[in-house]
PDB file of all heavy atoms in Angstrom:
ATOM      1  N   LEU A   1      23.403   0.414   4.262  1.00  0.00           N
ATOM      2  CA  LEU A   1      23.738  -0.354   5.442  1.00  0.00           C
ATOM      3  C   LEU A   1      24.339   0.436   6.578  1.00  0.00           C
ATOM      4  O   LEU A   1      24.114  -0.076   7.710  1.00  0.00           O
ATOM      5  CB  LEU A   1      24.626  -1.475   5.030  1.00  0.00           C
ATOM      6  CG  LEU A   1      23.860  -2.561   4.108  1.00  0.00           C
ATOM      7  CD1 LEU A   1      24.916  -3.685   3.646  1.00  0.00           C
ATOM      8  CD2 LEU A   1      22.758  -3.279   4.653  1.00  0.00           C
ATOM      9  N   ASP A   2      24.977   1.514   6.372  1.00  0.00           N
ATOM     10  CA  ASP A   2      25.665   2.278   7.443  1.00  0.00           C
ATOM     11  C   ASP A   2      24.801   3.231   8.090  1.00  0.00           C
ATOM     12  O   ASP A   2      25.247   4.191   8.850  1.00  0.00           O
ATOM     13  CB  ASP A   2      26.944   2.855   6.790  1.00  0.00           C
ATOM     14  CG  ASP A   2      26.669   3.838   5.766  1.00  0.00           C
ATOM     15  OD1 ASP A   2      25.530   4.154   5.400  1.00  0.00           O
ATOM     16  OD2 ASP A   2      27.654   4.418   5.115  1.00  0.00           O
ATOM     17  N   GLY A   3      23.457   3.283   7.646  1.00  0.00           N
ATOM     18  CA  GLY A   3      22.497   4.230   8.283  1.00  0.00           C
ATOM     19  C   GLY A   3      22.224   5.438   7.444  1.00  0.00           C
ATOM     20  O   GLY A   3      21.304   6.296   7.827  1.00  0.00           O
ATOM     21  N   ARG A   4      22.837   5.722   6.356  1.00  0.00           N
ATOM     22  CA  ARG A   4      22.688   6.864   5.548  1.00  0.00           C
ATOM     23  C   ARG A   4      21.653   6.542   4.636  1.00  0.00           C
ATOM     24  O   ARG A   4      21.339   5.407   4.271  1.00  0.00           O
ATOM     25  CB  ARG A   4      24.007   7.215   4.866  1.00  0.00           C
ATOM     26  CG  ARG A   4      25.236   7.660   5.695  1.00  0.00           C
ATOM     27  CD  ARG A   4      26.452   8.053   5.054  1.00  0.00           C
ATOM     28  NE  ARG A   4      27.043   6.806   4.197  1.00  0.00           N
ATOM     29  CZ  ARG A   4      27.862   6.920   3.232  1.00  0.00           C
ATOM     30  NH1 ARG A   4      28.344   8.136   2.995  1.00  0.00           N
ATOM     31  NH2 ARG A   4      28.297   5.855   2.750  1.00  0.00           N
ATOM     32  N   VAL A   5      21.194   7.569   3.768  1.00  0.00           N
ATOM     33  CA  VAL A   5      20.196   7.462   2.687  1.00  0.00           C
ATOM     34  C   VAL A   5      20.889   7.910   1.422  1.00  0.00           C
ATOM     35  O   VAL A   5      21.609   8.995   1.470  1.00  0.00           O
ATOM     36  CB  VAL A   5      18.949   8.146   3.009  1.00  0.00           C
ATOM     37  CG1 VAL A   5      18.008   8.303   1.774  1.00  0.00           C
ATOM     38  CG2 VAL A   5      18.220   7.514   4.121  1.00  0.00           C
ATOM     39  N   GLU A   6      20.768   7.320   0.318  1.00  0.00           N
ATOM     40  CA  GLU A   6      21.253   7.670  -1.008  1.00  0.00           C
ATOM     41  C   GLU A   6      20.155   7.883  -1.832  1.00  0.00           C
ATOM     42  O   GLU A   6      19.223   7.156  -1.948  1.00  0.00           O
ATOM     43  CB  GLU A   6      22.208   6.563  -1.482  1.00  0.00           C
ATOM     44  CG  GLU A   6      22.793   6.840  -2.862  1.00  0.00           C
ATOM     45  CD  GLU A   6      23.666   5.816  -3.374  1.00  0.00           C
ATOM     46  OE1 GLU A   6      23.388   4.403  -2.988  1.00  0.00           O
ATOM     47  OE2 GLU A   6      24.559   6.023  -4.125  1.00  0.00           O
ATOM     48  N   LEU A   7      20.303   9.037  -2.606  1.00  0.00           N
ATOM     49  CA  LEU A   7      19.333   9.291  -3.761  1.00  0.00           C
ATOM     50  C   LEU A   7      20.124   9.605  -5.019  1.00  0.00           C
ATOM     51  O   LEU A   7      21.116  10.194  -5.025  1.00  0.00           O
ATOM     52  CB  LEU A   7      18.474  10.598  -3.447  1.00  0.00           C
ATOM     53  CG  LEU A   7      17.742  10.754  -2.199  1.00  0.00           C
ATOM     54  CD1 LEU A   7      18.615  11.230  -1.071  1.00  0.00           C
ATOM     55  CD2 LEU A   7      16.545  11.702  -2.388  1.00  0.00           C
ATOM     56  N   VAL A   8      19.448   9.166  -6.118  1.00  0.00           N
ATOM     57  CA  VAL A   8      19.910   9.780  -7.470  1.00  0.00           C
ATOM     58  C   VAL A   8      18.759  10.429  -7.936  1.00  0.00           C
ATOM     59  O   VAL A   8      17.609   9.859  -8.132  1.00  0.00           O
ATOM     60  CB  VAL A   8      20.392   8.545  -8.388  1.00  0.00           C
ATOM     61  CG1 VAL A   8      20.561   9.056  -9.770  1.00  0.00           C
ATOM     62  CG2 VAL A   8      21.620   7.907  -7.868  1.00  0.00           C
ATOM     63  N   VAL A   9      18.891  11.643  -8.463  1.00  0.00           N
ATOM     64  CA  VAL A   9      17.735  12.496  -8.774  1.00  0.00           C
ATOM     65  C   VAL A   9      18.140  13.047 -10.239  1.00  0.00           C
ATOM     66  O   VAL A   9      19.311  13.612 -10.332  1.00  0.00           O
ATOM     67  CB  VAL A   9      17.589  13.705  -7.786  1.00  0.00           C
ATOM     68  CG1 VAL A   9      16.365  14.544  -8.209  1.00  0.00           C
ATOM     69  CG2 VAL A   9      17.289  13.018  -6.452  1.00  0.00           C
ATOM     70  N   GLU A  10      17.184  13.079 -11.222  1.00  0.00           N
ATOM     71  CA  GLU A  10      17.482  13.640 -12.488  1.00  0.00           C
ATOM     72  C   GLU A  10      16.151  14.465 -12.904  1.00  0.00           C
ATOM     73  O   GLU A  10      15.040  14.003 -12.618  1.00  0.00           O
ATOM     74  CB  GLU A  10      17.696  12.456 -13.451  1.00  0.00           C
ATOM     75  CG  GLU A  10      18.127  13.053 -14.746  1.00  0.00           C
ATOM     76  CD  GLU A  10      18.722  11.937 -15.641  1.00  0.00           C
ATOM     77  OE1 GLU A  10      19.773  11.428 -15.387  1.00  0.00           O
ATOM     78  OE2 GLU A  10      18.037  11.566 -16.625  1.00  0.00           O
ATOM     79  N   GLY A  11      16.518  15.557 -13.515  1.00  0.00           N
ATOM     80  CA  GLY A  11      15.366  16.376 -13.992  1.00  0.00           C
ATOM     81  C   GLY A  11      15.792  17.778 -14.307  1.00  0.00           C
ATOM     82  O   GLY A  11      17.037  18.163 -14.548  1.00  0.00           O
ATOM     83  N   ASP A  12      14.821  18.701 -14.440  1.00  0.00           N
ATOM     84  CA  ASP A  12      15.179  20.135 -14.705  1.00  0.00           C
ATOM     85  C   ASP A  12      15.985  20.649 -13.418  1.00  0.00           C
ATOM     86  O   ASP A  12      15.716  20.196 -12.364  1.00  0.00           O
ATOM     87  CB  ASP A  12      13.870  20.871 -14.770  1.00  0.00           C
ATOM     88  CG  ASP A  12      12.992  20.573 -16.044  1.00  0.00           C
ATOM     89  OD1 ASP A  12      13.697  20.220 -17.045  1.00  0.00           O
ATOM     90  OD2 ASP A  12      11.782  20.703 -15.931  1.00  0.00           O
ATOM     91  N   PRO A  13      17.017  21.506 -13.800  1.00  0.00           N
ATOM     92  CA  PRO A  13      17.937  21.913 -12.760  1.00  0.00           C
ATOM     93  C   PRO A  13      17.310  22.539 -11.549  1.00  0.00           C
ATOM     94  O   PRO A  13      17.696  22.249 -10.492  1.00  0.00           O
ATOM     95  CB  PRO A  13      18.842  22.902 -13.454  1.00  0.00           C
ATOM     96  CG  PRO A  13      18.774  22.473 -14.901  1.00  0.00           C
ATOM     97  CD  PRO A  13      17.403  21.975 -15.116  1.00  0.00           C
ATOM     98  N   ARG A  14      16.313  23.434 -11.699  1.00  0.00           N
ATOM     99  CA  ARG A  14      15.713  24.047 -10.661  1.00  0.00           C
ATOM    100  C   ARG A  14      15.029  23.137  -9.554  1.00  0.00           C
ATOM    101  O   ARG A  14      15.275  23.133  -8.375  1.00  0.00           O
ATOM    102  CB  ARG A  14      14.616  25.185 -11.056  1.00  0.00           C
ATOM    103  CG  ARG A  14      14.102  25.846  -9.869  1.00  0.00           C
ATOM    104  CD  ARG A  14      13.136  26.920 -10.227  1.00  0.00           C
ATOM    105  NE  ARG A  14      13.963  28.233 -10.450  1.00  0.00           N
ATOM    106  CZ  ARG A  14      13.561  29.234 -11.004  1.00  0.00           C
ATOM    107  NH1 ARG A  14      12.429  29.258 -11.698  1.00  0.00           N
ATOM    108  NH2 ARG A  14      14.335  30.312 -10.933  1.00  0.00           N
ATOM    109  N   PRO A  15      14.228  22.131 -10.018  1.00  0.00           N
ATOM    110  CA  PRO A  15      13.611  21.290  -9.011  1.00  0.00           C
ATOM    111  C   PRO A  15      14.643  20.277  -8.504  1.00  0.00           C
ATOM    112  O   PRO A  15      14.492  19.987  -7.281  1.00  0.00           O
ATOM    113  CB  PRO A  15      12.731  20.485  -9.904  1.00  0.00           C
ATOM    114  CG  PRO A  15      12.296  21.234 -11.132  1.00  0.00           C
ATOM    115  CD  PRO A  15      13.521  22.181 -11.370  1.00  0.00           C
ATOM    116  N   VAL A  16      15.659  20.069  -9.252  1.00  0.00           N
ATOM    117  CA  VAL A  16      16.818  19.214  -8.606  1.00  0.00           C
ATOM    118  C   VAL A  16      17.462  19.992  -7.453  1.00  0.00           C
ATOM    119  O   VAL A  16      17.676  19.499  -6.382  1.00  0.00           O
ATOM    120  CB  VAL A  16      17.887  18.871  -9.699  1.00  0.00           C
ATOM    121  CG1 VAL A  16      19.143  18.245  -9.044  1.00  0.00           C
ATOM    122  CG2 VAL A  16      17.249  17.802 -10.668  1.00  0.00           C
ATOM    123  N   GLU A  17      17.637  21.164  -7.658  1.00  0.00           N
ATOM    124  CA  GLU A  17      18.246  22.195  -6.501  1.00  0.00           C
ATOM    125  C   GLU A  17      17.379  22.152  -5.369  1.00  0.00           C
ATOM    126  O   GLU A  17      17.723  22.071  -4.244  1.00  0.00           O
ATOM    127  CB  GLU A  17      18.543  23.432  -7.049  1.00  0.00           C
ATOM    128  CG  GLU A  17      19.892  23.559  -7.914  1.00  0.00           C
ATOM    129  CD  GLU A  17      21.067  23.124  -7.129  1.00  0.00           C
ATOM    130  OE1 GLU A  17      21.304  23.458  -5.890  1.00  0.00           O
ATOM    131  OE2 GLU A  17      21.935  22.455  -7.802  1.00  0.00           O
ATOM    132  N   ARG A  18      16.065  22.212  -5.619  1.00  0.00           N
ATOM    133  CA  ARG A  18      15.026  22.362  -4.452  1.00  0.00           C
ATOM    134  C   ARG A  18      15.145  20.944  -3.757  1.00  0.00           C
ATOM    135  O   ARG A  18      14.959  21.014  -2.485  1.00  0.00           O
ATOM    136  CB  ARG A  18      13.670  22.642  -5.078  1.00  0.00           C
ATOM    137  CG  ARG A  18      13.575  24.090  -5.618  1.00  0.00           C
ATOM    138  CD  ARG A  18      12.306  24.425  -6.063  1.00  0.00           C
ATOM    139  NE  ARG A  18      11.234  24.361  -5.056  1.00  0.00           N
ATOM    140  CZ  ARG A  18       9.943  24.599  -5.317  1.00  0.00           C
ATOM    141  NH1 ARG A  18       9.501  24.728  -6.500  1.00  0.00           N
ATOM    142  NH2 ARG A  18       9.181  24.621  -4.181  1.00  0.00           N
ATOM    143  N   MET A  19      15.315  19.915  -4.550  1.00  0.00           N
ATOM    144  CA  MET A  19      15.312  18.519  -3.770  1.00  0.00           C
ATOM    145  C   MET A  19      16.468  18.586  -2.970  1.00  0.00           C
ATOM    146  O   MET A  19      16.481  17.987  -1.782  1.00  0.00           O
ATOM    147  CB  MET A  19      15.299  17.474  -4.936  1.00  0.00           C
ATOM    148  CG  MET A  19      15.177  16.013  -4.392  1.00  0.00           C
ATOM    149  SD  MET A  19      13.462  15.763  -3.891  1.00  0.00           S
ATOM    150  CE  MET A  19      13.627  14.118  -3.333  1.00  0.00           C
ATOM    151  N   ILE A  20      17.784  18.975  -3.328  1.00  0.00           N
ATOM    152  CA  ILE A  20      18.900  18.923  -2.643  1.00  0.00           C
ATOM    153  C   ILE A  20      18.653  19.873  -1.363  1.00  0.00           C
ATOM    154  O   ILE A  20      19.070  19.390  -0.233  1.00  0.00           O
ATOM    155  CB  ILE A  20      20.091  19.639  -3.336  1.00  0.00           C
ATOM    156  CG1 ILE A  20      20.508  18.606  -4.609  1.00  0.00           C
ATOM    157  CG2 ILE A  20      21.343  19.760  -2.512  1.00  0.00           C
ATOM    158  CD1 ILE A  20      21.345  19.264  -5.549  1.00  0.00           C
ATOM    159  N   GLU A  21      18.100  21.002  -1.532  1.00  0.00           N
ATOM    160  CA  GLU A  21      17.785  21.796  -0.250  1.00  0.00           C
ATOM    161  C   GLU A  21      16.843  21.065   0.656  1.00  0.00           C
ATOM    162  O   GLU A  21      17.077  21.112   1.855  1.00  0.00           O
ATOM    163  CB  GLU A  21      17.177  23.209  -0.739  1.00  0.00           C
ATOM    164  CG  GLU A  21      18.122  24.053  -1.386  1.00  0.00           C
ATOM    165  CD  GLU A  21      19.444  24.320  -0.585  1.00  0.00           C
ATOM    166  OE1 GLU A  21      19.258  24.715   0.614  1.00  0.00           O
ATOM    167  OE2 GLU A  21      20.529  24.139  -1.090  1.00  0.00           O
ATOM    168  N   TRP A  22      15.907  20.299   0.207  1.00  0.00           N
ATOM    169  CA  TRP A  22      15.018  19.517   1.111  1.00  0.00           C
ATOM    170  C   TRP A  22      15.786  18.512   1.835  1.00  0.00           C
ATOM    171  O   TRP A  22      15.561  18.243   2.998  1.00  0.00           O
ATOM    172  CB  TRP A  22      13.848  18.884   0.281  1.00  0.00           C
ATOM    173  CG  TRP A  22      12.968  18.144   1.183  1.00  0.00           C
ATOM    174  CD1 TRP A  22      11.924  18.391   1.949  1.00  0.00           C
ATOM    175  CD2 TRP A  22      13.106  16.665   1.419  1.00  0.00           C
ATOM    176  NE1 TRP A  22      11.394  17.423   2.617  1.00  0.00           N
ATOM    177  CE2 TRP A  22      12.155  16.280   2.293  1.00  0.00           C
ATOM    178  CE3 TRP A  22      13.949  15.718   0.869  1.00  0.00           C
ATOM    179  CZ2 TRP A  22      11.978  14.863   2.804  1.00  0.00           C
ATOM    180  CZ3 TRP A  22      13.818  14.257   1.348  1.00  0.00           C
ATOM    181  CH2 TRP A  22      12.794  14.017   2.224  1.00  0.00           C
ATOM    182  N   CYS A  23      16.751  17.884   1.081  1.00  0.00           N
ATOM    183  CA  CYS A  23      17.460  16.806   1.854  1.00  0.00           C
ATOM    184  C   CYS A  23      18.382  17.294   2.869  1.00  0.00           C
ATOM    185  O   CYS A  23      18.625  16.535   3.873  1.00  0.00           O
ATOM    186  CB  CYS A  23      18.467  16.100   0.756  1.00  0.00           C
ATOM    187  SG  CYS A  23      17.680  15.109  -0.476  1.00  0.00           S
ATOM    188  N   LYS A  24      18.649  18.619   2.926  1.00  0.00           N
ATOM    189  CA  LYS A  24      19.433  19.199   4.097  1.00  0.00           C
ATOM    190  C   LYS A  24      18.579  19.225   5.285  1.00  0.00           C
ATOM    191  O   LYS A  24      19.064  19.423   6.368  1.00  0.00           O
ATOM    192  CB  LYS A  24      19.970  20.563   3.664  1.00  0.00           C
ATOM    193  CG  LYS A  24      20.889  20.545   2.565  1.00  0.00           C
ATOM    194  CD  LYS A  24      21.388  21.852   2.188  1.00  0.00           C
ATOM    195  CE  LYS A  24      22.360  21.726   0.960  1.00  0.00           C
ATOM    196  NZ  LYS A  24      22.851  23.056   0.385  1.00  0.00           N
ATOM    197  N   VAL A  25      17.273  19.130   5.216  1.00  0.00           N
ATOM    198  CA  VAL A  25      16.326  19.186   6.272  1.00  0.00           C
ATOM    199  C   VAL A  25      15.692  17.827   6.536  1.00  0.00           C
ATOM    200  O   VAL A  25      15.568  17.406   7.545  1.00  0.00           O
ATOM    201  CB  VAL A  25      15.304  20.237   6.164  1.00  0.00           C
ATOM    202  CG1 VAL A  25      14.392  20.339   7.328  1.00  0.00           C
ATOM    203  CG2 VAL A  25      16.042  21.621   6.060  1.00  0.00           C
ATOM    204  N   GLY A  26      15.036  17.248   5.482  1.00  0.00           N
ATOM    205  CA  GLY A  26      14.366  16.029   5.520  1.00  0.00           C
ATOM    206  C   GLY A  26      12.958  16.111   6.120  1.00  0.00           C
ATOM    207  O   GLY A  26      12.532  17.277   6.308  1.00  0.00           O
ATOM    208  N   PRO A  27      12.449  14.978   6.396  1.00  0.00           N
ATOM    209  CA  PRO A  27      11.091  15.057   6.981  1.00  0.00           C
ATOM    210  C   PRO A  27      11.135  15.405   8.449  1.00  0.00           C
ATOM    211  O   PRO A  27      12.247  15.528   8.993  1.00  0.00           O
ATOM    212  CB  PRO A  27      10.569  13.593   6.809  1.00  0.00           C
ATOM    213  CG  PRO A  27      11.808  12.698   6.625  1.00  0.00           C
ATOM    214  CD  PRO A  27      12.745  13.554   6.021  1.00  0.00           C
ATOM    215  N   ASP A  28      10.010  15.650   9.090  1.00  0.00           N
ATOM    216  CA  ASP A  28       9.915  16.165  10.338  1.00  0.00           C
ATOM    217  C   ASP A  28      10.710  15.539  11.431  1.00  0.00           C
ATOM    218  O   ASP A  28      11.411  16.004  12.276  1.00  0.00           O
ATOM    219  CB  ASP A  28       8.489  16.193  10.865  1.00  0.00           C
ATOM    220  CG  ASP A  28       7.681  17.302  10.295  1.00  0.00           C
ATOM    221  OD1 ASP A  28       8.264  18.247   9.553  1.00  0.00           O
ATOM    222  OD2 ASP A  28       6.514  17.215  10.318  1.00  0.00           O
ATOM    223  N   LEU A  29      10.839  14.053  11.402  1.00  0.00           N
ATOM    224  CA  LEU A  29      11.481  13.343  12.394  1.00  0.00           C
ATOM    225  C   LEU A  29      12.923  13.126  12.098  1.00  0.00           C
ATOM    226  O   LEU A  29      13.741  12.636  12.938  1.00  0.00           O
ATOM    227  CB  LEU A  29      10.901  11.926  12.497  1.00  0.00           C
ATOM    228  CG  LEU A  29       9.293  11.869  12.903  1.00  0.00           C
ATOM    229  CD1 LEU A  29       8.724  10.650  13.012  1.00  0.00           C
ATOM    230  CD2 LEU A  29       9.174  12.661  14.338  1.00  0.00           C
ATOM    231  N   ALA A  30      13.379  13.521  10.904  1.00  0.00           N
ATOM    232  CA  ALA A  30      14.825  13.331  10.587  1.00  0.00           C
ATOM    233  C   ALA A  30      15.766  14.417  11.364  1.00  0.00           C
ATOM    234  O   ALA A  30      15.258  15.468  11.551  1.00  0.00           O
ATOM    235  CB  ALA A  30      15.059  13.600   9.068  1.00  0.00           C
ATOM    236  N   VAL A  31      16.889  13.984  11.520  1.00  0.00           N
ATOM    237  CA  VAL A  31      17.970  14.958  12.024  1.00  0.00           C
ATOM    238  C   VAL A  31      19.162  14.696  11.048  1.00  0.00           C
ATOM    239  O   VAL A  31      19.980  13.778  11.135  1.00  0.00           O
ATOM    240  CB  VAL A  31      18.399  14.567  13.410  1.00  0.00           C
ATOM    241  CG1 VAL A  31      19.631  15.434  13.838  1.00  0.00           C
ATOM    242  CG2 VAL A  31      17.325  14.575  14.431  1.00  0.00           C
ATOM    243  N   VAL A  32      19.147  15.636  10.082  1.00  0.00           N
ATOM    244  CA  VAL A  32      20.322  15.591   9.003  1.00  0.00           C
ATOM    245  C   VAL A  32      21.501  16.196   9.513  1.00  0.00           C
ATOM    246  O   VAL A  32      21.548  17.337  10.051  1.00  0.00           O
ATOM    247  CB  VAL A  32      19.670  16.282   7.699  1.00  0.00           C
ATOM    248  CG1 VAL A  32      20.885  16.360   6.656  1.00  0.00           C
ATOM    249  CG2 VAL A  32      18.442  15.533   7.190  1.00  0.00           C
TER     250      VAL A  32
END
């Protein structure tokens, strides 16, 4: 509700880390 996005991600450690790195940038229109 405050404008943030929340994720819970589970799986092999390497892809989880890659997902975290992607979250630091997000899709093209995002400003993280």
